[in-house]
Amino acid sequence: MRTTVLLADDHRIVRDGLKMLLEAQQDMEVVCSVGTGRDAVSEALKLNPDVVVMDIVMPDLNGIDATARILEKLPSTHVLILTMYASPEYIYRAFHAGASGYVFKESAGSEVIVAIRAAREGRRYMSEEASDAVMNGFMHLGGLLDSGSPFARLSRREREVLQLFVEGRTTTEIARAAFLSPKTVDTYRSRIMTKLGVKGMPALIRFAIQNGLAGPKAP
């Protein structure tokens, strides 16, 4: 039986390359390819793939929060993070959200295939580079989400709204994307600022980027 795979990356050239690579394998089938975190969630819920290959930085919803949403509804699905980010904090957050693997785009190729097969079999997989990053910083960062990180004070929904603000979305656009009223979005914004101890949107956005919640868009 073929392993069904959903690809989520905001760069079409990456998705197309991965699709060609995976469909050359007799035991794999790419059932969907999407460019946003929100689409990754909605299509995963429709298709129930065996494995989702997920980038971290994407429009609408970041890959880590998308991973948590997918696994909340589809616990039998496995998510493999494929990214350019080597930060131990990203690695911790990915596995904290339930990811089964973490692979860097620079080493993508046969390693992605190995990682997908490992995830399908219920095993975790980390590339050598990710393992090195974990060894260098994992013990220090292990408690960030539970204590030291300022974003530990925010709910998942609040982090989602914050990311959309960081991406430059207006209140109306966020309301439409998140299925909220504009008034509710304003309430979230005020609550986020209060929890993080910042005043004004420029300060809030700068704070979010500096603390790694929503990093710069990958080139």
N, C-alpha and C. Protein backbone atom coordinates (compact mmCIF):
# COMPACT_ATOMS: atom_id res chain seq x y z
N MET A 1 0.84 -1.20 0.00
CA MET A 1 0.00 0.00 0.00
C MET A 1 0.88 1.25 0.00
N ARG A 2 0.53 2.21 -0.84
CA ARG A 2 1.32 3.43 -0.94
C ARG A 2 1.10 4.36 0.26
N THR A 3 2.15 5.05 0.63
CA THR A 3 2.07 6.08 1.66
C THR A 3 1.57 7.37 1.01
N THR A 4 0.44 7.88 1.48
CA THR A 4 -0.10 9.12 0.92
C THR A 4 0.54 10.32 1.61
N VAL A 5 0.94 11.30 0.80
CA VAL A 5 1.71 12.45 1.31
C VAL A 5 1.06 13.75 0.88
N LEU A 6 0.94 14.68 1.82
CA LEU A 6 0.50 16.04 1.53
C LEU A 6 1.71 16.96 1.69
N LEU A 7 1.95 17.83 0.71
CA LEU A 7 3.08 18.75 0.74
C LEU A 7 2.60 20.16 1.07
N ALA A 8 3.26 20.81 2.02
CA ALA A 8 2.90 22.18 2.41
C ALA A 8 4.16 23.04 2.45
N ASP A 9 4.29 23.91 1.46
CA ASP A 9 5.42 24.83 1.38
C ASP A 9 4.98 26.02 0.54
N ASP A 10 5.39 27.22 0.93
CA ASP A 10 4.91 28.40 0.21
C ASP A 10 5.72 28.70 -1.05
N HIS A 11 6.65 27.84 -1.41
CA HIS A 11 7.40 28.00 -2.65
C HIS A 11 7.02 26.88 -3.62
N ARG A 12 6.42 27.26 -4.74
CA ARG A 12 5.96 26.26 -5.70
C ARG A 12 7.10 25.40 -6.23
N ILE A 13 8.25 26.01 -6.43
CA ILE A 13 9.38 25.24 -6.97
C ILE A 13 9.80 24.13 -6.01
N VAL A 14 9.69 24.39 -4.71
CA VAL A 14 10.00 23.37 -3.71
C VAL A 14 8.96 22.26 -3.76
N ARG A 15 7.69 22.65 -3.81
CA ARG A 15 6.61 21.65 -3.86
C ARG A 15 6.73 20.78 -5.10
N ASP A 16 6.98 21.42 -6.25
CA ASP A 16 7.08 20.66 -7.50
C ASP A 16 8.27 19.70 -7.47
N GLY A 17 9.39 20.17 -6.92
CA GLY A 17 10.56 19.30 -6.83
C GLY A 17 10.33 18.11 -5.92
N LEU A 18 9.69 18.37 -4.78
CA LEU A 18 9.38 17.27 -3.85
C LEU A 18 8.40 16.28 -4.48
N LYS A 19 7.41 16.82 -5.18
CA LYS A 19 6.43 15.93 -5.80
C LYS A 19 7.09 14.99 -6.80
N MET A 20 7.98 15.52 -7.63
CA MET A 20 8.69 14.68 -8.59
C MET A 20 9.53 13.62 -7.88
N LEU A 21 10.20 14.03 -6.82
CA LEU A 21 11.04 13.11 -6.06
C LEU A 21 10.23 11.98 -5.45
N LEU A 22 9.12 12.34 -4.80
CA LEU A 22 8.33 11.34 -4.08
C LEU A 22 7.56 10.43 -5.01
N GLU A 23 7.04 10.98 -6.10
CA GLU A 23 6.24 10.14 -7.00
C GLU A 23 7.11 9.21 -7.84
N ALA A 24 8.42 9.40 -7.78
CA ALA A 24 9.33 8.44 -8.41
C ALA A 24 9.49 7.19 -7.55
N GLN A 25 8.98 7.25 -6.31
CA GLN A 25 9.05 6.11 -5.39
C GLN A 25 7.78 5.26 -5.55
N GLN A 26 7.93 3.98 -5.67
CA GLN A 26 6.78 3.12 -5.90
C GLN A 26 5.84 3.05 -4.70
N ASP A 27 6.37 3.38 -3.52
CA ASP A 27 5.55 3.24 -2.31
C ASP A 27 4.99 4.57 -1.82
N MET A 28 5.05 5.64 -2.65
CA MET A 28 4.57 6.95 -2.21
C MET A 28 3.67 7.59 -3.25
N GLU A 29 2.68 8.35 -2.75
CA GLU A 29 1.76 9.07 -3.63
C GLU A 29 1.48 10.44 -3.04
N VAL A 30 1.75 11.50 -3.79
CA VAL A 30 1.44 12.86 -3.35
C VAL A 30 -0.02 13.14 -3.68
N VAL A 31 -0.83 13.33 -2.64
CA VAL A 31 -2.27 13.51 -2.84
C VAL A 31 -2.67 14.97 -2.90
N CYS A 32 -1.80 15.87 -2.45
CA CYS A 32 -2.14 17.29 -2.45
C CYS A 32 -0.88 18.12 -2.22
N SER A 33 -0.90 19.33 -2.76
CA SER A 33 0.22 20.26 -2.60
C SER A 33 -0.35 21.64 -2.34
N VAL A 34 0.02 22.25 -1.21
CA VAL A 34 -0.56 23.54 -0.82
C VAL A 34 0.54 24.53 -0.43
N GLY A 35 0.17 25.82 -0.41
CA GLY A 35 1.16 26.85 -0.15
C GLY A 35 0.98 27.64 1.13
N THR A 36 -0.04 27.30 1.94
CA THR A 36 -0.25 28.00 3.21
C THR A 36 -0.52 27.01 4.33
N GLY A 37 -0.27 27.45 5.55
CA GLY A 37 -0.54 26.60 6.70
C GLY A 37 -2.01 26.30 6.86
N ARG A 38 -2.85 27.30 6.59
CA ARG A 38 -4.29 27.09 6.73
C ARG A 38 -4.81 26.06 5.72
N ASP A 39 -4.28 26.14 4.48
CA ASP A 39 -4.67 25.15 3.48
C ASP A 39 -4.16 23.76 3.84
N ALA A 40 -3.00 23.70 4.47
CA ALA A 40 -2.47 22.40 4.90
C ALA A 40 -3.43 21.74 5.88
N VAL A 41 -3.97 22.53 6.81
CA VAL A 41 -4.91 21.99 7.79
C VAL A 41 -6.19 21.53 7.11
N SER A 42 -6.78 22.40 6.29
CA SER A 42 -8.07 22.07 5.68
C SER A 42 -7.96 20.87 4.74
N GLU A 43 -6.89 20.80 3.95
CA GLU A 43 -6.74 19.68 3.02
C GLU A 43 -6.40 18.39 3.76
N ALA A 44 -5.63 18.48 4.82
CA ALA A 44 -5.33 17.29 5.61
C ALA A 44 -6.60 16.70 6.21
N LEU A 45 -7.48 17.58 6.71
CA LEU A 45 -8.73 17.10 7.30
C LEU A 45 -9.62 16.44 6.25
N LYS A 46 -9.53 16.91 5.01
CA LYS A 46 -10.32 16.31 3.93
C LYS A 46 -9.74 14.97 3.48
N LEU A 47 -8.42 14.91 3.35
CA LEU A 47 -7.77 13.78 2.69
C LEU A 47 -7.20 12.74 3.64
N ASN A 48 -6.97 13.13 4.91
CA ASN A 48 -6.42 12.21 5.90
C ASN A 48 -5.16 11.50 5.38
N PRO A 49 -4.13 12.25 5.01
CA PRO A 49 -2.91 11.62 4.47
C PRO A 49 -2.13 10.88 5.55
N ASP A 50 -1.29 9.96 5.11
CA ASP A 50 -0.42 9.26 6.06
C ASP A 50 0.64 10.20 6.62
N VAL A 51 1.20 11.04 5.75
CA VAL A 51 2.29 11.94 6.15
C VAL A 51 2.06 13.32 5.54
N VAL A 52 2.32 14.35 6.34
CA VAL A 52 2.34 15.74 5.85
C VAL A 52 3.77 16.23 5.92
N VAL A 53 4.31 16.71 4.80
CA VAL A 53 5.63 17.33 4.78
C VAL A 53 5.40 18.84 4.87
N MET A 54 5.86 19.45 5.96
CA MET A 54 5.44 20.80 6.33
C MET A 54 6.63 21.76 6.49
N ASP A 55 6.54 22.91 5.80
CA ASP A 55 7.49 23.99 6.04
C ASP A 55 7.06 24.72 7.32
N ILE A 56 7.94 25.53 7.90
CA ILE A 56 7.59 26.27 9.11
C ILE A 56 7.01 27.63 8.80
N VAL A 57 7.71 28.43 8.01
CA VAL A 57 7.27 29.80 7.74
C VAL A 57 6.41 29.82 6.49
N MET A 58 5.09 30.01 6.68
CA MET A 58 4.14 30.07 5.59
C MET A 58 3.09 31.13 5.89
N PRO A 59 2.41 31.63 4.86
CA PRO A 59 1.35 32.62 5.09
C PRO A 59 0.17 32.03 5.86
N ASP A 60 -0.58 32.90 6.50
CA ASP A 60 -1.84 32.58 7.18
C ASP A 60 -1.66 31.84 8.50
N LEU A 61 -0.87 30.78 8.48
CA LEU A 61 -0.69 29.97 9.69
C LEU A 61 0.68 29.31 9.61
N ASN A 62 1.50 29.47 10.64
CA ASN A 62 2.84 28.87 10.56
C ASN A 62 2.76 27.35 10.66
N GLY A 63 3.80 26.69 10.17
CA GLY A 63 3.78 25.24 10.08
C GLY A 63 3.72 24.53 11.41
N ILE A 64 4.24 25.13 12.46
CA ILE A 64 4.21 24.48 13.77
C ILE A 64 2.80 24.48 14.34
N ASP A 65 2.12 25.61 14.26
CA ASP A 65 0.73 25.64 14.73
C ASP A 65 -0.17 24.80 13.83
N ALA A 66 0.13 24.78 12.52
CA ALA A 66 -0.64 23.92 11.61
C ALA A 66 -0.45 22.45 11.97
N THR A 67 0.76 22.08 12.34
CA THR A 67 1.04 20.71 12.78
C THR A 67 0.18 20.34 13.98
N ALA A 68 0.14 21.22 14.97
CA ALA A 68 -0.66 20.95 16.17
C ALA A 68 -2.14 20.80 15.83
N ARG A 69 -2.64 21.64 14.93
CA ARG A 69 -4.06 21.56 14.55
C ARG A 69 -4.37 20.25 13.83
N ILE A 70 -3.49 19.87 12.92
CA ILE A 70 -3.71 18.63 12.18
C ILE A 70 -3.71 17.43 13.11
N LEU A 71 -2.72 17.35 13.98
CA LEU A 71 -2.60 16.18 14.85
C LEU A 71 -3.67 16.14 15.93
N GLU A 72 -4.23 17.30 16.25
CA GLU A 72 -5.34 17.32 17.20
C GLU A 72 -6.56 16.59 16.63
N LYS A 73 -6.76 16.71 15.32
CA LYS A 73 -7.90 16.07 14.66
C LYS A 73 -7.54 14.73 14.03
N LEU A 74 -6.28 14.58 13.63
CA LEU A 74 -5.85 13.37 12.93
C LEU A 74 -4.62 12.78 13.63
N PRO A 75 -4.80 12.17 14.78
CA PRO A 75 -3.65 11.67 15.54
C PRO A 75 -2.86 10.57 14.84
N SER A 76 -3.46 9.92 13.85
CA SER A 76 -2.75 8.85 13.14
C SER A 76 -1.90 9.38 11.99
N THR A 77 -2.07 10.66 11.65
CA THR A 77 -1.25 11.27 10.61
C THR A 77 0.11 11.66 11.20
N HIS A 78 1.14 11.59 10.39
CA HIS A 78 2.49 11.96 10.83
C HIS A 78 2.93 13.21 10.09
N VAL A 79 3.56 14.14 10.80
CA VAL A 79 4.02 15.38 10.19
C VAL A 79 5.54 15.43 10.22
N LEU A 80 6.12 15.67 9.06
CA LEU A 80 7.56 15.83 8.91
C LEU A 80 7.86 17.29 8.60
N ILE A 81 8.65 17.94 9.44
CA ILE A 81 9.03 19.33 9.20
C ILE A 81 10.21 19.36 8.24
N LEU A 82 10.06 20.11 7.14
CA LEU A 82 11.13 20.30 6.16
C LEU A 82 11.38 21.80 6.06
N THR A 83 12.52 22.27 6.55
CA THR A 83 12.71 23.70 6.72
C THR A 83 14.16 24.10 6.53
N MET A 84 14.39 25.42 6.48
CA MET A 84 15.76 25.94 6.42
C MET A 84 16.24 26.42 7.78
N TYR A 85 15.39 26.32 8.81
CA TYR A 85 15.71 26.88 10.11
C TYR A 85 16.34 25.84 11.04
N ALA A 86 17.54 26.18 11.56
CA ALA A 86 18.29 25.25 12.40
C ALA A 86 18.22 25.61 13.88
N SER A 87 17.36 26.55 14.24
CA SER A 87 17.27 26.99 15.63
C SER A 87 16.77 25.86 16.52
N PRO A 88 17.46 25.57 17.63
CA PRO A 88 16.97 24.56 18.57
C PRO A 88 15.56 24.87 19.07
N GLU A 89 15.23 26.17 19.17
CA GLU A 89 13.89 26.53 19.62
C GLU A 89 12.83 26.07 18.64
N TYR A 90 13.09 26.22 17.33
CA TYR A 90 12.15 25.74 16.32
C TYR A 90 12.02 24.22 16.41
N ILE A 91 13.14 23.54 16.61
CA ILE A 91 13.11 22.08 16.70
C ILE A 91 12.28 21.65 17.90
N TYR A 92 12.51 22.30 19.03
CA TYR A 92 11.73 21.96 20.22
C TYR A 92 10.25 22.20 19.99
N ARG A 93 9.91 23.35 19.41
CA ARG A 93 8.51 23.68 19.18
C ARG A 93 7.85 22.68 18.23
N ALA A 94 8.61 22.26 17.21
CA ALA A 94 8.05 21.30 16.25
C ALA A 94 7.70 19.98 16.93
N PHE A 95 8.61 19.45 17.71
CA PHE A 95 8.33 18.18 18.39
C PHE A 95 7.31 18.36 19.51
N HIS A 96 7.32 19.51 20.14
CA HIS A 96 6.30 19.81 21.15
C HIS A 96 4.91 19.80 20.53
N ALA A 97 4.81 20.23 19.26
CA ALA A 97 3.53 20.23 18.56
C ALA A 97 3.13 18.85 18.06
N GLY A 98 4.08 17.89 18.12
CA GLY A 98 3.75 16.52 17.73
C GLY A 98 4.41 16.03 16.45
N ALA A 99 5.32 16.82 15.88
CA ALA A 99 5.98 16.40 14.64
C ALA A 99 6.74 15.10 14.83
N SER A 100 6.81 14.32 13.76
CA SER A 100 7.52 13.04 13.80
C SER A 100 8.95 13.16 13.30
N GLY A 101 9.26 14.26 12.61
CA GLY A 101 10.60 14.40 12.08
C GLY A 101 10.95 15.83 11.75
N TYR A 102 12.25 16.09 11.59
CA TYR A 102 12.75 17.43 11.32
C TYR A 102 13.94 17.30 10.38
N VAL A 103 13.78 17.81 9.15
CA VAL A 103 14.81 17.69 8.12
C VAL A 103 15.07 19.06 7.51
N PHE A 104 16.32 19.36 7.19
CA PHE A 104 16.66 20.63 6.58
C PHE A 104 16.56 20.55 5.06
N LYS A 105 16.11 21.64 4.46
CA LYS A 105 15.97 21.67 3.00
C LYS A 105 17.30 21.47 2.29
N GLU A 106 18.37 21.93 2.91
CA GLU A 106 19.69 21.80 2.29
C GLU A 106 20.07 20.33 2.08
N SER A 107 19.55 19.46 2.92
CA SER A 107 19.88 18.04 2.81
C SER A 107 18.72 17.24 2.24
N ALA A 108 17.74 17.96 1.69
CA ALA A 108 16.56 17.27 1.15
C ALA A 108 16.98 16.41 -0.04
N GLY A 109 16.19 15.40 -0.29
CA GLY A 109 16.49 14.45 -1.35
C GLY A 109 16.20 13.07 -0.81
N SER A 110 17.19 12.21 -0.86
CA SER A 110 16.98 10.86 -0.35
C SER A 110 16.64 10.86 1.13
N GLU A 111 17.13 11.88 1.87
CA GLU A 111 16.84 11.93 3.31
C GLU A 111 15.36 12.15 3.57
N VAL A 112 14.70 12.93 2.72
CA VAL A 112 13.26 13.14 2.88
C VAL A 112 12.52 11.82 2.73
N ILE A 113 12.93 11.03 1.78
CA ILE A 113 12.30 9.73 1.56
C ILE A 113 12.49 8.84 2.79
N VAL A 114 13.70 8.81 3.31
CA VAL A 114 13.99 8.02 4.52
C VAL A 114 13.13 8.51 5.68
N ALA A 115 13.02 9.82 5.83
CA ALA A 115 12.26 10.39 6.94
C ALA A 115 10.78 10.09 6.83
N ILE A 116 10.24 10.15 5.62
CA ILE A 116 8.82 9.84 5.41
C ILE A 116 8.55 8.38 5.75
N ARG A 117 9.41 7.49 5.32
CA ARG A 117 9.22 6.07 5.62
C ARG A 117 9.33 5.81 7.12
N ALA A 118 10.25 6.51 7.78
CA ALA A 118 10.37 6.36 9.23
C ALA A 118 9.10 6.84 9.92
N ALA A 119 8.59 8.00 9.51
CA ALA A 119 7.37 8.54 10.11
C ALA A 119 6.20 7.60 9.89
N ARG A 120 6.10 7.05 8.69
CA ARG A 120 4.99 6.13 8.37
C ARG A 120 5.01 4.91 9.27
N GLU A 121 6.21 4.52 9.69
CA GLU A 121 6.36 3.36 10.57
C GLU A 121 6.26 3.72 12.04
N GLY A 122 5.98 5.00 12.31
CA GLY A 122 5.81 5.43 13.69
C GLY A 122 7.09 5.77 14.41
N ARG A 123 8.18 5.96 13.65
CA ARG A 123 9.47 6.31 14.25
C ARG A 123 9.77 7.80 14.04
N ARG A 124 10.47 8.38 14.97
CA ARG A 124 10.88 9.78 14.83
C ARG A 124 12.19 9.84 14.03
N TYR A 125 12.35 10.97 13.34
CA TYR A 125 13.55 11.13 12.52
C TYR A 125 14.05 12.56 12.63
N MET A 126 15.36 12.70 12.88
CA MET A 126 16.00 14.01 12.84
C MET A 126 17.23 13.92 11.97
N SER A 127 17.41 14.90 11.09
CA SER A 127 18.62 14.94 10.29
C SER A 127 19.83 15.15 11.21
N GLU A 128 20.99 14.86 10.69
CA GLU A 128 22.21 15.00 11.50
C GLU A 128 22.38 16.44 11.97
N GLU A 129 22.06 17.39 11.08
CA GLU A 129 22.20 18.80 11.45
C GLU A 129 21.25 19.17 12.58
N ALA A 130 20.03 18.64 12.53
CA ALA A 130 19.07 18.91 13.59
C ALA A 130 19.53 18.30 14.91
N SER A 131 20.08 17.10 14.83
CA SER A 131 20.59 16.45 16.05
C SER A 131 21.72 17.27 16.67
N ASP A 132 22.59 17.81 15.82
CA ASP A 132 23.69 18.64 16.32
C ASP A 132 23.15 19.89 17.00
N ALA A 133 22.13 20.51 16.39
CA ALA A 133 21.55 21.72 16.97
C ALA A 133 20.91 21.42 18.31
N VAL A 134 20.26 20.26 18.39
CA VAL A 134 19.64 19.86 19.65
C VAL A 134 20.70 19.64 20.72
N MET A 135 21.77 18.96 20.36
CA MET A 135 22.83 18.70 21.33
C MET A 135 23.45 20.00 21.84
N ASN A 136 23.52 21.01 20.96
CA ASN A 136 24.14 22.28 21.33
C ASN A 136 23.23 23.17 22.17
N GLY A 137 21.92 22.99 22.02
CA GLY A 137 21.06 23.92 22.73
C GLY A 137 19.77 23.40 23.31
N PHE A 138 19.47 22.13 23.12
CA PHE A 138 18.16 21.61 23.50
C PHE A 138 17.93 21.68 25.01
N MET A 139 18.94 21.35 25.78
CA MET A 139 18.75 21.36 27.22
C MET A 139 18.44 22.77 27.73
N HIS A 140 19.08 23.75 27.12
CA HIS A 140 18.83 25.13 27.53
C HIS A 140 17.44 25.60 27.13
N LEU A 141 17.00 25.14 25.94
CA LEU A 141 15.73 25.64 25.42
C LEU A 141 14.54 24.78 25.81
N GLY A 142 14.80 23.66 26.44
CA GLY A 142 13.73 22.72 26.71
C GLY A 142 12.56 23.28 27.49
N GLY A 143 12.83 24.26 28.35
CA GLY A 143 11.73 24.81 29.13
C GLY A 143 11.16 26.10 28.60
N LEU A 144 11.56 26.52 27.39
CA LEU A 144 11.14 27.83 26.91
C LEU A 144 9.62 27.97 26.82
N LEU A 145 8.97 26.99 26.25
CA LEU A 145 7.53 27.13 26.06
C LEU A 145 6.78 27.08 27.38
N ASP A 146 7.36 26.39 28.36
CA ASP A 146 6.66 26.23 29.62
C ASP A 146 6.92 27.38 30.58
N SER A 147 8.05 28.08 30.41
CA SER A 147 8.37 29.10 31.40
C SER A 147 8.95 30.36 30.80
N GLY A 148 10.13 30.25 30.16
CA GLY A 148 10.85 31.44 29.77
C GLY A 148 10.32 32.17 28.56
N SER A 149 9.68 31.49 27.64
CA SER A 149 9.22 32.15 26.43
C SER A 149 8.06 33.09 26.72
N PRO A 150 8.12 34.32 26.21
CA PRO A 150 6.98 35.23 26.42
C PRO A 150 5.72 34.72 25.76
N PHE A 151 5.85 33.88 24.73
CA PHE A 151 4.68 33.39 24.02
C PHE A 151 3.98 32.24 24.74
N ALA A 152 4.60 31.75 25.82
CA ALA A 152 3.91 30.74 26.63
C ALA A 152 2.64 31.31 27.24
N ARG A 153 2.56 32.63 27.32
CA ARG A 153 1.37 33.27 27.90
C ARG A 153 0.22 33.35 26.90
N LEU A 154 0.52 33.13 25.63
CA LEU A 154 -0.50 33.27 24.59
C LEU A 154 -1.14 31.93 24.25
N SER A 155 -2.41 31.98 23.94
CA SER A 155 -3.09 30.78 23.44
C SER A 155 -2.69 30.57 21.99
N ARG A 156 -2.99 29.40 21.46
CA ARG A 156 -2.68 29.12 20.06
C ARG A 156 -3.39 30.11 19.15
N ARG A 157 -4.63 30.45 19.48
CA ARG A 157 -5.39 31.40 18.67
C ARG A 157 -4.75 32.79 18.71
N GLU A 158 -4.27 33.18 19.87
CA GLU A 158 -3.60 34.48 19.98
C GLU A 158 -2.31 34.51 19.18
N ARG A 159 -1.56 33.41 19.16
CA ARG A 159 -0.33 33.35 18.35
C ARG A 159 -0.67 33.45 16.87
N GLU A 160 -1.77 32.82 16.48
CA GLU A 160 -2.20 32.87 15.08
C GLU A 160 -2.52 34.31 14.67
N VAL A 161 -3.29 35.00 15.51
CA VAL A 161 -3.65 36.39 15.21
C VAL A 161 -2.40 37.27 15.18
N LEU A 162 -1.49 37.04 16.10
CA LEU A 162 -0.25 37.81 16.14
C LEU A 162 0.55 37.62 14.86
N GLN A 163 0.65 36.37 14.39
CA GLN A 163 1.41 36.13 13.17
C GLN A 163 0.79 36.87 11.99
N LEU A 164 -0.52 36.88 11.91
CA LEU A 164 -1.18 37.58 10.81
C LEU A 164 -0.91 39.07 10.86
N PHE A 165 -0.88 39.64 12.05
CA PHE A 165 -0.50 41.05 12.18
C PHE A 165 0.93 41.27 11.70
N VAL A 166 1.83 40.35 12.08
CA VAL A 166 3.23 40.47 11.68
C VAL A 166 3.37 40.43 10.16
N GLU A 167 2.50 39.65 9.51
CA GLU A 167 2.53 39.55 8.05
C GLU A 167 1.96 40.78 7.37
N GLY A 168 1.46 41.74 8.17
CA GLY A 168 0.96 42.98 7.59
C GLY A 168 -0.52 42.97 7.27
N ARG A 169 -1.25 41.98 7.77
CA ARG A 169 -2.68 41.91 7.51
C ARG A 169 -3.43 42.99 8.29
N THR A 170 -4.51 43.48 7.70
CA THR A 170 -5.38 44.42 8.39
C THR A 170 -6.34 43.66 9.30
N THR A 171 -7.01 44.41 10.17
CA THR A 171 -7.99 43.77 11.06
C THR A 171 -9.06 43.06 10.25
N THR A 172 -9.53 43.68 9.18
CA THR A 172 -10.57 43.07 8.35
C THR A 172 -10.07 41.80 7.69
N GLU A 173 -8.84 41.82 7.19
CA GLU A 173 -8.28 40.63 6.55
C GLU A 173 -8.09 39.50 7.54
N ILE A 174 -7.66 39.82 8.74
CA ILE A 174 -7.49 38.80 9.77
C ILE A 174 -8.83 38.21 10.16
N ALA A 175 -9.83 39.07 10.30
CA ALA A 175 -11.17 38.59 10.65
C ALA A 175 -11.67 37.60 9.62
N ARG A 176 -11.43 37.90 8.35
CA ARG A 176 -11.88 37.01 7.28
C ARG A 176 -11.10 35.70 7.29
N ALA A 177 -9.78 35.80 7.46
CA ALA A 177 -8.93 34.60 7.42
C ALA A 177 -9.16 33.69 8.62
N ALA A 178 -9.42 34.29 9.78
CA ALA A 178 -9.54 33.51 11.02
C ALA A 178 -10.99 33.24 11.41
N PHE A 179 -11.92 33.66 10.56
CA PHE A 179 -13.35 33.45 10.82
C PHE A 179 -13.77 34.09 12.15
N LEU A 180 -13.34 35.34 12.32
CA LEU A 180 -13.68 36.12 13.51
C LEU A 180 -14.31 37.43 13.07
N SER A 181 -14.96 38.11 14.00
CA SER A 181 -15.45 39.45 13.72
C SER A 181 -14.30 40.44 13.92
N PRO A 182 -14.32 41.59 13.23
CA PRO A 182 -13.27 42.59 13.45
C PRO A 182 -13.16 43.01 14.92
N LYS A 183 -14.30 43.08 15.59
CA LYS A 183 -14.28 43.45 17.01
C LYS A 183 -13.51 42.41 17.83
N THR A 184 -13.71 41.14 17.51
CA THR A 184 -13.00 40.08 18.22
C THR A 184 -11.50 40.14 17.95
N VAL A 185 -11.13 40.46 16.71
CA VAL A 185 -9.71 40.62 16.38
C VAL A 185 -9.09 41.74 17.20
N ASP A 186 -9.82 42.86 17.33
CA ASP A 186 -9.32 43.97 18.14
C ASP A 186 -9.15 43.55 19.60
N THR A 187 -10.09 42.72 20.08
CA THR A 187 -9.98 42.22 21.45
C THR A 187 -8.74 41.36 21.62
N TYR A 188 -8.50 40.48 20.64
CA TYR A 188 -7.29 39.65 20.67
C TYR A 188 -6.04 40.52 20.68
N ARG A 189 -6.01 41.55 19.85
CA ARG A 189 -4.85 42.43 19.77
C ARG A 189 -4.56 43.09 21.12
N SER A 190 -5.61 43.60 21.75
CA SER A 190 -5.43 44.24 23.06
C SER A 190 -4.95 43.23 24.10
N ARG A 191 -5.52 42.03 24.04
CA ARG A 191 -5.14 40.99 25.00
C ARG A 191 -3.68 40.56 24.81
N ILE A 192 -3.27 40.44 23.55
CA ILE A 192 -1.89 40.05 23.25
C ILE A 192 -0.91 41.10 23.76
N MET A 193 -1.23 42.37 23.50
CA MET A 193 -0.35 43.44 23.97
C MET A 193 -0.24 43.46 25.48
N THR A 194 -1.37 43.24 26.14
CA THR A 194 -1.36 43.22 27.61
C THR A 194 -0.50 42.08 28.13
N LYS A 195 -0.67 40.89 27.55
CA LYS A 195 0.08 39.72 28.01
C LYS A 195 1.58 39.86 27.76
N LEU A 196 1.94 40.51 26.65
CA LEU A 196 3.35 40.64 26.30
C LEU A 196 3.98 41.91 26.85
N GLY A 197 3.15 42.79 27.38
CA GLY A 197 3.67 44.01 27.98
C GLY A 197 4.21 45.02 27.00
N VAL A 198 3.58 45.11 25.82
CA VAL A 198 4.02 46.08 24.81
C VAL A 198 2.88 47.02 24.48
N LYS A 199 3.23 48.19 23.96
CA LYS A 199 2.23 49.19 23.60
C LYS A 199 2.44 49.62 22.15
N GLY A 200 1.37 49.52 21.37
CA GLY A 200 1.44 49.94 19.98
C GLY A 200 1.82 48.82 19.04
N MET A 201 1.27 48.86 17.82
CA MET A 201 1.52 47.80 16.85
C MET A 201 2.99 47.70 16.41
N PRO A 202 3.69 48.81 16.16
CA PRO A 202 5.10 48.67 15.77
C PRO A 202 5.92 47.92 16.82
N ALA A 203 5.68 48.23 18.08
CA ALA A 203 6.42 47.56 19.16
C ALA A 203 6.03 46.09 19.24
N LEU A 204 4.76 45.79 19.03
CA LEU A 204 4.29 44.41 19.08
C LEU A 204 4.92 43.57 17.97
N ILE A 205 4.91 44.10 16.77
CA ILE A 205 5.47 43.36 15.64
C ILE A 205 6.97 43.16 15.81
N ARG A 206 7.66 44.20 16.24
CA ARG A 206 9.10 44.09 16.46
C ARG A 206 9.40 43.04 17.54
N PHE A 207 8.62 43.05 18.61
CA PHE A 207 8.78 42.09 19.70
C PHE A 207 8.59 40.66 19.19
N ALA A 208 7.55 40.44 18.37
CA ALA A 208 7.26 39.10 17.86
C ALA A 208 8.40 38.57 17.00
N ILE A 209 8.91 39.40 16.11
CA ILE A 209 9.99 38.96 15.22
C ILE A 209 11.27 38.70 16.00
N GLN A 210 11.59 39.60 16.93
CA GLN A 210 12.82 39.44 17.71
C GLN A 210 12.80 38.19 18.58
N ASN A 211 11.61 37.75 18.96
CA ASN A 211 11.50 36.57 19.83
C ASN A 211 11.17 35.30 19.07
N GLY A 212 11.19 35.37 17.72
CA GLY A 212 11.15 34.16 16.92
C GLY A 212 9.79 33.56 16.64
N LEU A 213 8.70 34.21 17.04
CA LEU A 213 7.38 33.64 16.76
C LEU A 213 7.11 33.64 15.27
N ALA A 214 7.43 34.72 14.61
CA ALA A 214 7.19 34.83 13.17
C ALA A 214 8.44 35.38 12.53
N GLY A 215 9.30 34.48 12.07
CA GLY A 215 10.55 34.91 11.48
C GLY A 215 10.36 35.48 10.10
N PRO A 216 11.42 35.97 9.49
CA PRO A 216 11.33 36.53 8.14
C PRO A 216 11.00 35.45 7.14
N LYS A 217 10.34 35.83 6.08
CA LYS A 217 9.95 34.88 5.04
C LYS A 217 11.18 34.32 4.36
N ALA A 218 11.18 33.03 4.16
CA ALA A 218 12.33 32.40 3.51
C ALA A 218 12.48 32.92 2.09
N PRO A 219 13.71 33.13 1.63
CA PRO A 219 13.91 33.64 0.27
C PRO A 219 13.54 32.60 -0.77
